[in-house]
């Protein structure tokens, strides 16, 4: 895996963790909720006013071409990172030589990353944030400009035109994780494969959750999260 590919993977993980640190989403209480995000109430002026007051997405909103580009672009970045890491994660199945402790660590790492990175960080925090911000580039969003539309994936991730706290946390964590990736690349076999297997599991969960939440949003069920936008 090239250093550029490692940086891309680190950036996506960092952005997910950054979103976890500042975006609050109530956990889902049913089994099907693990695949989606809780929508805003569609009736009542009071509930919509409260949502607007705290910077959350409101309904109805329609996506634009820039909205589609924002979401698909983020999913493409995730998929690219998965494609680069997956061969390394699969090395134990090709080369073997793992002791029972290694296989147990392999399975435990996948489970841990799937829950912490995939479910907690991506599905509950980062994925709804990406979709909500992408929708602000739509006709009712009021945030579309030529630059934001062209750079819609990065806008949707909150890398720019976001609150100061959002940007500081995201970029600080991004730099820290890139350093950690440099350390992981130097791990001996099979430990690097074990760690990368966990990252692949988390990223795969993440890209799936973004797609699912986006489909629901197109159907009128926007995620109930803050878009972390600065004042106009």
Protein backbone atom coordinates (compact mmCIF):
# COMPACT_ATOMS: atom_id res chain seq x y z
CA UNK A 1 0.00 0.00 0.00
CA UNK A 2 1.44 3.40 -0.94
CA UNK A 3 1.91 6.17 1.61
CA UNK A 4 -0.73 8.20 -0.26
CA UNK A 5 -3.21 5.36 0.10
CA UNK A 6 -2.43 5.08 3.79
CA UNK A 7 -3.01 8.79 4.21
CA UNK A 8 -6.40 8.54 2.49
CA UNK A 9 -7.45 5.73 4.79
CA UNK A 10 -6.18 7.65 7.81
CA UNK A 11 -8.06 10.76 6.77
CA UNK A 12 -11.38 8.93 6.50
CA UNK A 13 -10.92 7.21 9.86
CA UNK A 14 -9.91 10.53 11.40
CA UNK A 15 -12.92 12.34 10.01
CA UNK A 16 -15.20 9.67 11.41
CA UNK A 17 -13.59 9.94 14.82
CA UNK A 18 -13.73 13.72 14.58
CA UNK A 19 -17.43 13.56 13.92
CA UNK A 20 -17.82 11.24 16.90
CA UNK A 21 -16.24 13.80 19.16
CA UNK A 22 -18.62 16.63 18.39
CA UNK A 23 -21.85 15.26 16.91
CA UNK A 24 -24.51 13.76 19.15
CA UNK A 25 -26.92 11.19 17.76
CA UNK A 26 -29.18 9.12 20.03
CA UNK A 27 -28.60 5.35 19.68
CA UNK A 28 -31.22 3.34 17.84
CA UNK A 29 -33.42 1.11 20.00
CA UNK A 30 -34.43 -1.52 17.50
CA UNK A 31 -32.64 -4.05 15.35
CA UNK A 32 -33.49 -2.36 12.06
CA UNK A 33 -32.18 0.92 13.46
CA UNK A 34 -28.63 -0.42 13.17
CA UNK A 35 -28.92 0.21 9.42
CA UNK A 36 -30.26 3.75 9.49
CA UNK A 37 -30.50 7.12 11.19
CA UNK A 38 -33.39 8.54 13.19
CA UNK A 39 -35.37 11.06 11.10
CA UNK A 40 -36.60 14.42 12.28
CA UNK A 41 -40.29 14.76 13.12
CA UNK A 42 -42.13 15.76 9.95
CA UNK A 43 -45.01 17.49 11.70
CA UNK A 44 -45.15 20.41 14.07
CA UNK A 45 -43.68 23.86 13.72
CA UNK A 46 -42.10 23.62 17.16
CA UNK A 47 -40.02 20.53 16.38
CA UNK A 48 -38.73 22.02 13.13
CA UNK A 49 -37.92 25.31 14.85
CA UNK A 50 -35.97 23.47 17.51
CA UNK A 51 -34.06 21.54 14.86
CA UNK A 52 -33.15 24.74 13.05
CA UNK A 53 -32.08 26.36 16.31
CA UNK A 54 -29.54 23.62 16.99
CA UNK A 55 -28.30 23.44 13.38
CA UNK A 56 -29.91 20.12 12.53
CA UNK A 57 -31.29 19.23 9.12
CA UNK A 58 -34.99 19.90 8.50
CA UNK A 59 -37.48 18.47 6.02
CA UNK A 60 -38.44 18.60 3.25
CA UNK A 61 -35.14 19.00 1.38
CA UNK A 62 -34.18 17.75 -2.06
CA UNK A 63 -30.70 16.77 -3.23
CA UNK A 64 -28.94 18.42 -6.15
CA UNK A 65 -26.24 17.16 -8.49
CA UNK A 66 -23.71 18.57 -6.02
CA UNK A 67 -25.40 16.61 -3.22
CA UNK A 68 -25.06 13.39 -5.20
CA UNK A 69 -21.43 14.18 -5.99
CA UNK A 70 -20.70 14.90 -2.34
CA UNK A 71 -22.03 11.57 -1.09
CA UNK A 72 -20.75 9.45 -3.98
CA UNK A 73 -17.35 11.13 -3.74
CA UNK A 74 -16.99 10.27 -0.06
CA UNK A 75 -18.07 6.70 -0.74
CA UNK A 76 -15.50 6.48 -3.56
CA UNK A 77 -12.72 7.65 -1.23
CA UNK A 78 -13.74 5.00 1.29
CA UNK A 79 -13.92 2.31 -1.39
CA UNK A 80 -10.46 3.27 -2.65
CA UNK A 81 -9.03 2.92 0.85
CA UNK A 82 -10.73 -0.46 1.26
CA UNK A 83 -9.30 -1.64 -2.06
CA UNK A 84 -5.78 -0.71 -0.99
CA UNK A 85 -5.97 -2.23 2.49
CA UNK A 86 -7.91 -5.41 1.71
CA UNK A 87 -5.00 -7.28 0.02
CA UNK A 88 -2.82 -6.69 3.08
CA UNK A 89 -5.63 -7.77 5.39
CA UNK A 90 -6.04 -10.97 3.36
CA UNK A 91 -2.36 -11.98 3.50
CA UNK A 92 -2.84 -14.46 6.39
CA UNK A 93 -5.19 -16.48 4.17
CA UNK A 94 -2.56 -16.63 1.42
CA UNK A 95 0.63 -17.03 3.43
CA UNK A 96 -0.61 -18.73 6.59
CA UNK A 97 1.73 -19.17 9.53
CA UNK A 98 -0.65 -17.74 12.13
CA UNK A 99 -0.89 -19.20 15.61
CA UNK A 100 -4.24 -19.51 17.41
CA UNK A 101 -3.44 -16.27 19.26
CA UNK A 102 -3.03 -14.47 15.93
CA UNK A 103 -6.35 -15.76 14.57
CA UNK A 104 -8.12 -14.80 17.78
CA UNK A 105 -6.59 -11.32 17.53
CA UNK A 106 -7.63 -11.13 13.87
CA UNK A 107 -11.26 -11.89 14.70
CA UNK A 108 -11.30 -9.63 17.76
CA UNK A 109 -9.83 -6.72 15.81
CA UNK A 110 -12.46 -7.04 13.09
CA UNK A 111 -15.24 -7.11 15.68
CA UNK A 112 -13.81 -4.15 17.60
CA UNK A 113 -13.31 -1.97 14.52
CA UNK A 114 -16.70 -2.90 13.10
CA UNK A 115 -18.38 -1.70 16.29
CA UNK A 116 -16.23 1.27 17.30
CA UNK A 117 -15.29 2.61 13.86
CA UNK A 118 -18.09 1.24 11.70
CA UNK A 119 -21.15 1.51 13.92
CA UNK A 120 -20.30 4.11 16.58
CA UNK A 121 -18.12 6.47 14.54
CA UNK A 122 -19.43 6.08 11.00
CA UNK A 123 -23.08 5.01 11.20
CA UNK A 124 -24.11 7.04 14.23
CA UNK A 125 -21.96 10.13 13.63
CA UNK A 126 -19.94 10.59 10.43
CA UNK A 127 -22.30 9.05 7.87
CA UNK A 128 -25.34 11.14 8.92
CA UNK A 129 -23.10 14.22 8.97
CA UNK A 130 -21.93 13.58 5.39
CA UNK A 131 -25.49 13.12 4.12
CA UNK A 132 -26.87 16.11 6.02
CA UNK A 133 -24.13 18.44 4.78
CA UNK A 134 -24.52 17.13 1.22
CA UNK A 135 -28.21 18.04 1.33
CA UNK A 136 -27.35 21.63 2.26
CA UNK A 137 -26.00 21.89 -1.30
CA UNK A 138 -29.52 21.19 -2.57
CA UNK A 139 -32.21 23.69 -3.60
CA UNK A 140 -33.45 24.25 -0.04
CA UNK A 141 -30.04 24.01 1.63
CA UNK A 142 -28.90 27.56 0.96
CA UNK A 143 -25.19 26.71 1.09
CA UNK A 144 -24.38 25.88 -2.52
CA UNK A 145 -21.60 27.84 -4.22
CA UNK A 146 -19.45 26.94 -7.21
CA UNK A 147 -16.48 26.03 -5.00
CA UNK A 148 -18.50 23.97 -2.53
CA UNK A 149 -20.23 22.15 -5.36
CA UNK A 150 -16.95 21.24 -7.06
CA UNK A 151 -15.40 20.17 -3.74
CA UNK A 152 -18.64 18.63 -2.47
CA UNK A 153 -17.07 15.46 -1.02
CA UNK A 154 -14.67 17.48 1.13
CA UNK A 155 -17.41 19.93 2.05
CA UNK A 156 -19.66 17.03 3.04
CA UNK A 157 -16.90 15.67 5.28
CA UNK A 158 -16.69 19.03 7.03
CA UNK A 159 -13.13 19.80 5.97
CA UNK A 160 -14.08 23.39 5.18
CA UNK A 161 -17.01 25.76 5.66
CA UNK A 162 -17.66 24.20 9.05
CA UNK A 163 -17.64 25.48 12.61
CA UNK A 164 -14.22 26.31 14.01
CA UNK A 165 -14.45 23.51 16.56
CA UNK A 166 -15.35 21.02 13.85
CA UNK A 167 -12.38 21.94 11.69
CA UNK A 168 -9.87 22.08 14.56
CA UNK A 169 -10.86 18.67 15.91
CA UNK A 170 -11.04 17.01 12.50
CA UNK A 171 -7.72 18.28 11.20
CA UNK A 172 -5.90 17.64 14.49
CA UNK A 173 -7.10 14.05 14.60
CA UNK A 174 -6.30 13.63 10.90
CA UNK A 175 -2.66 14.54 11.45
CA UNK A 176 -2.42 12.31 14.52
CA UNK A 177 -3.89 9.30 12.73
CA UNK A 178 -1.57 9.75 9.74
CA UNK A 179 1.35 9.47 12.16
CA UNK A 180 -0.17 6.31 13.65
CA UNK A 181 -0.58 4.84 10.15
CA UNK A 182 3.13 5.37 9.59
CA UNK A 183 3.81 3.31 12.70
CA UNK A 184 1.36 0.55 11.69
CA UNK A 185 3.08 0.21 8.29
CA UNK A 186 6.22 -0.85 10.15
CA UNK A 187 4.52 -3.61 12.12
CA UNK A 188 5.78 -7.11 11.31
CA UNK A 189 3.63 -9.80 9.72
CA UNK A 190 0.96 -10.76 10.72
CA UNK A 191 0.21 -7.82 13.03
CA UNK A 192 -0.06 -5.29 10.24
CA UNK A 193 -2.53 -7.56 8.46
CA UNK A 194 -4.51 -7.93 11.69
CA UNK A 195 -4.80 -4.17 12.16
CA UNK A 196 -5.64 -3.57 8.48
CA UNK A 197 -8.37 -6.22 8.63
CA UNK A 198 -10.04 -4.23 11.38
CA UNK A 199 -9.77 -1.00 9.42
CA UNK A 200 -11.28 -2.67 6.34
CA UNK A 201 -14.21 -3.92 8.42
CA UNK A 202 -14.86 -0.45 9.81
CA UNK A 203 -14.57 1.29 6.45
CA UNK A 204 -16.82 -1.27 4.76
CA UNK A 205 -19.47 -0.69 7.41
CA UNK A 206 -18.98 3.03 6.94
CA UNK A 207 -19.47 3.12 3.17
CA UNK A 208 -22.52 0.88 3.48
CA UNK A 209 -24.09 3.10 6.14
CA UNK A 210 -23.53 6.24 4.07
CA UNK A 211 -25.28 4.68 1.10
CA UNK A 212 -28.20 3.44 3.19
CA UNK A 213 -28.69 6.75 5.02
CA UNK A 214 -28.52 8.62 1.71
CA UNK A 215 -31.21 6.42 0.16
CA UNK A 216 -33.42 7.08 3.18
CA UNK A 217 -32.73 10.82 2.95
CA UNK A 218 -33.76 10.89 -0.71
CA UNK A 219 -36.99 9.28 0.43
CA UNK A 220 -37.58 12.16 2.84
CA UNK A 221 -36.06 10.81 6.06
CA UNK A 222 -33.10 13.08 6.75
CA UNK A 223 -30.73 12.17 9.61
CA UNK A 224 -31.26 14.12 12.82
CA UNK A 225 -27.77 15.56 13.27
CA UNK A 226 -26.12 18.95 13.36
CA UNK A 227 -24.54 19.98 10.06
CA UNK A 228 -21.81 21.87 11.96
CA UNK A 229 -22.15 24.85 9.62
CA UNK A 230 -20.92 28.35 10.47
CA UNK A 231 -23.34 31.31 10.37
CA UNK A 232 -24.05 32.58 6.87
